[in-house]
Structures are given as structure tokens and as C-alpha cells.
Amino acid sequence: MSGFLLDGTAVPFAEGDTLMDAAQRAGHSIAHLCWDAALGQSGACRLCTVRIDGRLAAACTTPAKAGLVVENRTPELDARRLRLTQMLFVEGNHFCPGCEKSGDCLLQATAYGLGMTGMHYDMQAPVRPVDASHADIWLDLNRCILCKLCVRASHEIDGKGVFAMGGHGIGTHLLVNSPTGLLGDSRLAAEDHAAHICPVGAILPKRRGFAVPIGQRRFDPPCAEALPPEPAQDRDENH
């Protein structure tokens, strides 16, 4: 296997790997919300942006090549990730203590890792539909971060195309492909990959909330990787 350098550490890769594929397999963390090893490339969230020989690129879509020098954990890149994470938190309803996904949420874990302890921007508080029509799965669009993981999983793995994206710009939103637009009238099954791939609390199984005690959940601190603390000027509205 050939290799590239990630923050000075040699990382081996196989033919066809992206930088993200190789890094994750080798146990090196690159922040992400839209990547999954079982799915094709996306590049939707941009949290995985790294610097390669002076230029910025998404680690999840950039092919791994021998000799590449990749910077991942730099103050500049972490600051970019922090701002993106802060904007995601206020754009939807991401109140962790009241969310069933808390402790198993990748957005929450990313915030922990970047030292985010509170909201930087004003909450947008959008009012979006909550779809409880399915017997086993709950869909809360107020928590959707438009990562497209459910869309891709339903197409690429389940072969059903239950989810799709609609609109454009700030009007982009998740759609359910069914005669009524309701999840209960779609072909989604509780065992489908798309029903369990959501990194946040937008798609959740019913009757299982808060089943795992605090302290035993996947991303409960100190399980999340410690990163530099958030800057003291966090409330500076000019940024």
C-alpha cells in the first residue's frame, strides 16, 4: 500500500480510497457529518476540508495519492469547522438535553471536539413539519442538517429512493417520496439502512428514546476527542 502524510503521520491507502477513507481506516479522525464508509462520495457538509499543498479540499472527495502532504488539525481549519458547526446548531432545533439522539449525535460530538460550549449566533427557530405517521420511525425536519445520508442510503443500499432533496438555496429541504409526502405512506421499513444512518436526531426509531444511560452513550465526554477550547471572543457578532 502507498501512503500520504496527514499532519505529519504516514497514512497507508488502497486503490480507490479518498483521503477520508484511508484516514478513518487508519484510526485518524477527520471531522465529518456527511461521510459514511458504506456510501459513495458527497462533500455536502464541508467539515472535512483539509489543506493539501496550500489548497483547500474536501477529504471525503479527494483521491488519496502517494506523497500528498495533508494538513487537518490546524488552528485555521478548526476555526472554519467551529463556525460551520455553530451555524448548523442555530439553523435548526438542536437542543441537546431534550433530544433522544443526545450522546449518539455526530453534530453534538463535533461541537464537543471543537470546544463549543454555547451558541455563537442567534437561534433561527424555524418551524418545520414533524412527521409521526410511520409506525416505527419518527421524522423531525427541524433537526435535519441536509447531509443527504438518508437520501443516499435509501438509493444506494436499500434501493428504494424513499428520501430526496427539494428546493434550492435556503429553501433546500428533505422530501419523502410517497403519494402523500408522509413517511407512513412510503416504502421505508424499520430495518432499512436509511432509517438508522441519520447523524443527528432527524430520523429516529420510535419507543427507544433515552434507553442508554448518560455516561454510557457513544459520544458522552470524555469519549469525544479533546480539541482546543473555543476562543473567548465567541460572541463577537462581526464574525
Protein backbone atom coordinates (compact mmCIF):
# COMPACT_ATOMS: atom_id res chain seq x y z
CA MET A 1 0.00 0.00 0.00
CA SER A 2 1.14 3.54 -0.77
CA GLY A 3 0.87 6.37 1.72
CA PHE A 4 0.39 10.10 2.24
CA LEU A 5 1.19 12.38 5.18
CA LEU A 6 -1.65 13.55 7.45
CA ASP A 7 -0.44 16.11 9.97
CA GLY A 8 3.00 14.59 9.64
CA THR A 9 1.87 10.98 10.12
CA ALA A 10 2.13 8.46 7.29
CA VAL A 11 -1.27 7.03 6.33
CA PRO A 12 -1.49 3.99 4.01
CA PHE A 13 -4.23 3.79 1.41
CA ALA A 14 -5.64 1.33 -1.09
CA GLU A 15 -6.55 1.91 -4.71
CA GLY A 16 -9.74 3.96 -4.95
CA ASP A 17 -9.54 5.40 -1.42
CA THR A 18 -10.30 9.01 -0.68
CA LEU A 19 -8.28 10.80 1.99
CA MET A 20 -11.21 10.30 4.37
CA ASP A 21 -11.49 6.57 3.64
CA ALA A 22 -7.82 5.97 4.35
CA ALA A 23 -7.66 8.22 7.41
CA GLN A 24 -10.71 6.67 9.07
CA ARG A 25 -9.48 3.14 8.40
CA ALA A 26 -6.12 4.02 9.97
CA GLY A 27 -7.79 5.47 13.06
CA HIS A 28 -7.21 9.15 12.30
CA SER A 29 -10.16 11.46 12.89
CA ILE A 30 -11.22 14.00 10.27
CA ALA A 31 -14.39 15.90 11.17
CA HIS A 32 -17.40 14.95 9.04
CA LEU A 33 -21.20 14.83 9.02
CA CYS A 34 -21.99 13.53 5.52
CA TRP A 35 -19.44 10.73 5.07
CA ASP A 36 -20.18 7.05 5.56
CA ALA A 37 -17.88 4.19 4.58
CA ALA A 38 -20.77 2.27 3.00
CA LEU A 39 -21.76 5.11 0.66
CA GLY A 40 -20.31 6.97 -2.29
CA GLN A 41 -18.80 10.43 -2.18
CA SER A 42 -20.83 13.53 -1.32
CA GLY A 43 -18.94 16.56 0.01
CA ALA A 44 -22.10 18.14 1.42
CA CYS A 45 -21.05 19.33 4.88
CA ARG A 46 -17.51 20.65 4.19
CA LEU A 47 -16.41 19.93 7.76
CA CYS A 48 -13.74 17.61 6.38
CA THR A 49 -11.98 20.42 4.50
CA VAL A 50 -8.22 19.95 4.71
CA ARG A 51 -5.25 21.77 3.22
CA ILE A 52 -3.20 19.94 0.60
CA ASP A 53 -0.01 21.59 -0.57
CA GLY A 54 -1.53 25.00 0.18
CA ARG A 55 -5.01 24.50 -1.28
CA LEU A 56 -8.28 23.60 0.44
CA ALA A 57 -10.09 20.38 -0.48
CA ALA A 58 -12.77 18.09 0.92
CA ALA A 59 -11.12 14.97 2.35
CA CYS A 60 -14.18 12.86 1.54
CA THR A 61 -13.99 13.53 -2.21
CA THR A 62 -10.23 13.90 -2.77
CA PRO A 63 -8.49 10.74 -4.03
CA ALA A 64 -5.60 9.57 -1.88
CA LYS A 65 -2.27 9.82 -3.69
CA ALA A 66 1.23 8.87 -2.67
CA GLY A 67 3.31 11.78 -1.47
CA LEU A 68 0.46 14.16 -0.64
CA VAL A 69 1.09 16.40 2.38
CA VAL A 70 -2.27 16.93 4.10
CA GLU A 71 -2.95 19.34 6.97
CA ASN A 72 -6.05 18.55 9.04
CA ARG A 73 -5.75 19.79 12.62
CA THR A 74 -4.59 23.38 12.28
CA PRO A 75 -6.00 26.43 14.13
CA GLU A 76 -7.28 27.86 10.83
CA LEU A 77 -9.10 24.69 9.76
CA ASP A 78 -10.53 24.06 13.22
CA ALA A 79 -11.82 27.65 13.29
CA ARG A 80 -13.60 27.05 9.97
CA ARG A 81 -15.15 23.86 11.34
CA LEU A 82 -16.22 25.62 14.51
CA ARG A 83 -18.05 28.34 12.58
CA LEU A 84 -19.81 25.78 10.37
CA THR A 85 -20.85 23.80 13.44
CA GLN A 86 -22.11 26.92 15.20
CA MET A 87 -24.24 27.83 12.18
CA LEU A 88 -25.70 24.34 11.96
CA PHE A 89 -26.72 24.45 15.62
CA VAL A 90 -28.70 27.68 15.33
CA GLU A 91 -30.22 26.97 11.90
CA GLY A 92 -32.43 24.18 13.26
CA ASN A 93 -33.69 22.77 16.54
CA HIS A 94 -30.58 21.32 18.14
CA PHE A 95 -31.29 21.48 21.88
CA CYS A 96 -29.19 18.52 23.01
CA PRO A 97 -30.61 17.90 26.53
CA GLY A 98 -34.08 17.34 25.11
CA CYS A 99 -33.08 15.27 22.08
CA GLU A 100 -33.31 11.48 22.00
CA LYS A 101 -30.12 11.38 19.91
CA SER A 102 -28.09 13.14 22.60
CA GLY A 103 -24.90 11.22 23.34
CA ASP A 104 -25.06 9.44 19.99
CA CYS A 105 -25.21 12.55 17.80
CA LEU A 106 -22.32 13.30 15.47
CA LEU A 107 -23.11 17.03 15.40
CA GLN A 108 -23.01 17.11 19.20
CA ALA A 109 -19.74 15.16 19.23
CA THR A 110 -18.25 17.57 16.71
CA ALA A 111 -19.22 20.50 18.93
CA TYR A 112 -17.62 18.78 21.94
CA GLY A 113 -14.44 18.18 19.97
CA LEU A 114 -14.20 21.77 18.79
CA GLY A 115 -14.67 23.18 22.29
CA MET A 116 -18.11 24.65 21.59
CA THR A 117 -19.93 25.24 24.88
CA GLY A 118 -22.78 27.53 23.80
CA MET A 119 -24.48 29.22 20.87
CA HIS A 120 -22.48 31.81 18.95
CA TYR A 121 -25.23 33.13 16.68
CA ASP A 122 -28.88 33.89 17.42
CA MET A 123 -31.22 30.91 17.15
CA GLN A 124 -33.24 30.90 13.92
CA ALA A 125 -36.02 28.76 15.46
CA PRO A 126 -37.58 27.54 12.19
CA VAL A 127 -40.92 25.76 12.30
CA ARG A 128 -40.79 22.69 10.08
CA PRO A 129 -43.05 19.63 9.89
CA VAL A 130 -42.68 16.73 12.30
CA ASP A 131 -43.84 13.50 10.64
CA ALA A 132 -45.02 10.82 13.07
CA SER A 133 -47.11 8.94 10.51
CA HIS A 134 -44.79 5.90 10.29
CA ALA A 135 -45.42 3.08 12.75
CA ASP A 136 -41.75 2.72 13.69
CA ILE A 137 -39.81 5.79 12.53
CA TRP A 138 -40.04 9.45 13.55
CA LEU A 139 -39.03 12.25 11.14
CA ASP A 140 -38.29 15.71 12.57
CA LEU A 141 -37.26 18.13 9.83
CA ASN A 142 -36.39 20.76 12.44
CA ARG A 143 -33.25 18.73 13.16
CA CYS A 144 -32.30 17.90 9.56
CA ILE A 145 -28.84 19.22 8.57
CA LEU A 146 -29.18 18.33 4.85
CA CYS A 147 -26.28 15.87 4.95
CA LYS A 148 -28.09 13.63 2.41
CA LEU A 149 -27.02 10.43 4.16
CA CYS A 150 -30.58 9.11 4.29
CA VAL A 151 -31.13 10.03 0.63
CA ARG A 152 -28.00 8.21 -0.48
CA ALA A 153 -28.56 5.21 1.78
CA SER A 154 -32.11 4.74 0.51
CA HIS A 155 -30.89 4.87 -3.10
CA GLU A 156 -27.53 3.10 -2.88
CA ILE A 157 -28.16 0.46 -0.20
CA ASP A 158 -31.91 -0.02 0.29
CA GLY A 159 -32.74 0.50 -3.37
CA LYS A 160 -35.98 2.32 -2.52
CA GLY A 161 -35.42 6.03 -3.03
CA VAL A 162 -37.61 6.93 -0.07
CA PHE A 163 -35.88 10.27 0.51
CA ALA A 164 -34.90 13.09 -1.85
CA MET A 165 -33.85 16.73 -1.70
CA GLY A 166 -36.14 19.53 -2.87
CA GLY A 167 -35.89 23.28 -3.27
CA HIS A 168 -32.69 25.26 -3.61
CA GLY A 169 -30.61 27.72 -1.61
CA ILE A 170 -32.06 28.43 1.83
CA GLY A 171 -35.21 26.64 0.69
CA THR A 172 -33.47 23.29 0.31
CA HIS A 173 -35.26 20.61 2.32
CA LEU A 174 -35.70 16.87 2.70
CA LEU A 175 -38.59 15.23 0.86
CA VAL A 176 -40.34 11.90 1.35
CA ASN A 177 -41.20 10.05 -1.85
CA SER A 178 -44.74 8.83 -1.19
CA PRO A 179 -48.20 9.62 -2.61
CA THR A 180 -48.95 11.93 0.33
CA GLY A 181 -45.42 13.04 1.16
CA LEU A 182 -45.76 11.32 4.54
CA LEU A 183 -43.28 8.77 5.83
CA GLY A 184 -46.07 6.40 6.82
CA ASP A 185 -47.12 6.10 3.18
CA SER A 186 -43.59 5.42 1.92
CA ARG A 187 -41.73 2.15 1.43
CA LEU A 188 -39.40 2.79 4.37
CA ALA A 189 -39.02 -0.20 6.69
CA ALA A 190 -37.68 -0.08 10.23
CA GLU A 191 -34.72 -2.27 9.27
CA ASP A 192 -33.69 -0.11 6.29
CA HIS A 193 -30.23 1.42 6.35
CA ALA A 194 -31.78 4.84 5.69
CA ALA A 195 -33.80 4.57 8.89
CA HIS A 196 -30.68 4.42 11.05
CA ILE A 197 -27.99 6.43 9.28
CA CYS A 198 -29.01 9.96 10.35
CA PRO A 199 -26.07 11.54 12.24
CA VAL A 200 -28.42 13.81 14.22
CA GLY A 201 -31.94 13.45 15.62
CA ALA A 202 -33.94 13.98 12.43
CA ILE A 203 -34.73 10.30 11.79
CA LEU A 204 -35.21 8.20 14.90
CA PRO A 205 -36.79 4.87 15.84
CA LYS A 206 -39.89 5.18 17.98
CA ARG A 207 -40.15 3.73 21.51
CA ARG A 208 -36.37 3.70 22.09
CA GLY A 209 -35.61 7.22 23.29
CA PHE A 210 -33.18 7.72 26.20
CA ALA A 211 -32.67 3.94 26.57
CA VAL A 212 -28.90 4.25 27.18
CA PRO A 213 -27.86 5.90 30.48
CA ILE A 214 -25.84 9.11 30.41
CA GLY A 215 -22.16 8.25 30.61
CA GLN A 216 -22.58 5.07 28.57
CA ARG A 217 -23.54 6.70 25.28
CA ARG A 218 -21.16 6.71 22.34
CA PHE A 219 -20.15 10.37 22.42
CA ASP A 220 -20.51 11.25 26.10
CA PRO A 221 -17.44 13.20 27.31
CA PRO A 222 -14.63 12.35 27.79
CA CYS A 223 -15.20 9.95 24.87
CA ALA A 224 -15.19 12.87 22.42
CA GLU A 225 -11.68 13.82 21.36
CA ALA A 226 -10.45 16.93 23.16
CA LEU A 227 -9.68 19.88 20.89
CA PRO A 228 -8.57 23.45 21.61
CA PRO A 229 -11.22 25.42 23.56
CA GLU A 230 -13.47 27.90 21.82
CA PRO A 231 -12.00 31.43 21.62
CA ALA A 232 -13.04 33.82 24.40
CA GLN A 233 -14.40 36.32 21.84
CA ASP A 234 -17.08 33.80 20.81
CA ARG A 235 -19.90 36.37 20.96
CA ASP A 236 -18.18 38.75 18.55
CA GLU A 237 -21.01 39.46 16.11
CA ASN A 238 -18.56 40.62 13.44
CA HIS A 239 -17.56 37.03 12.68
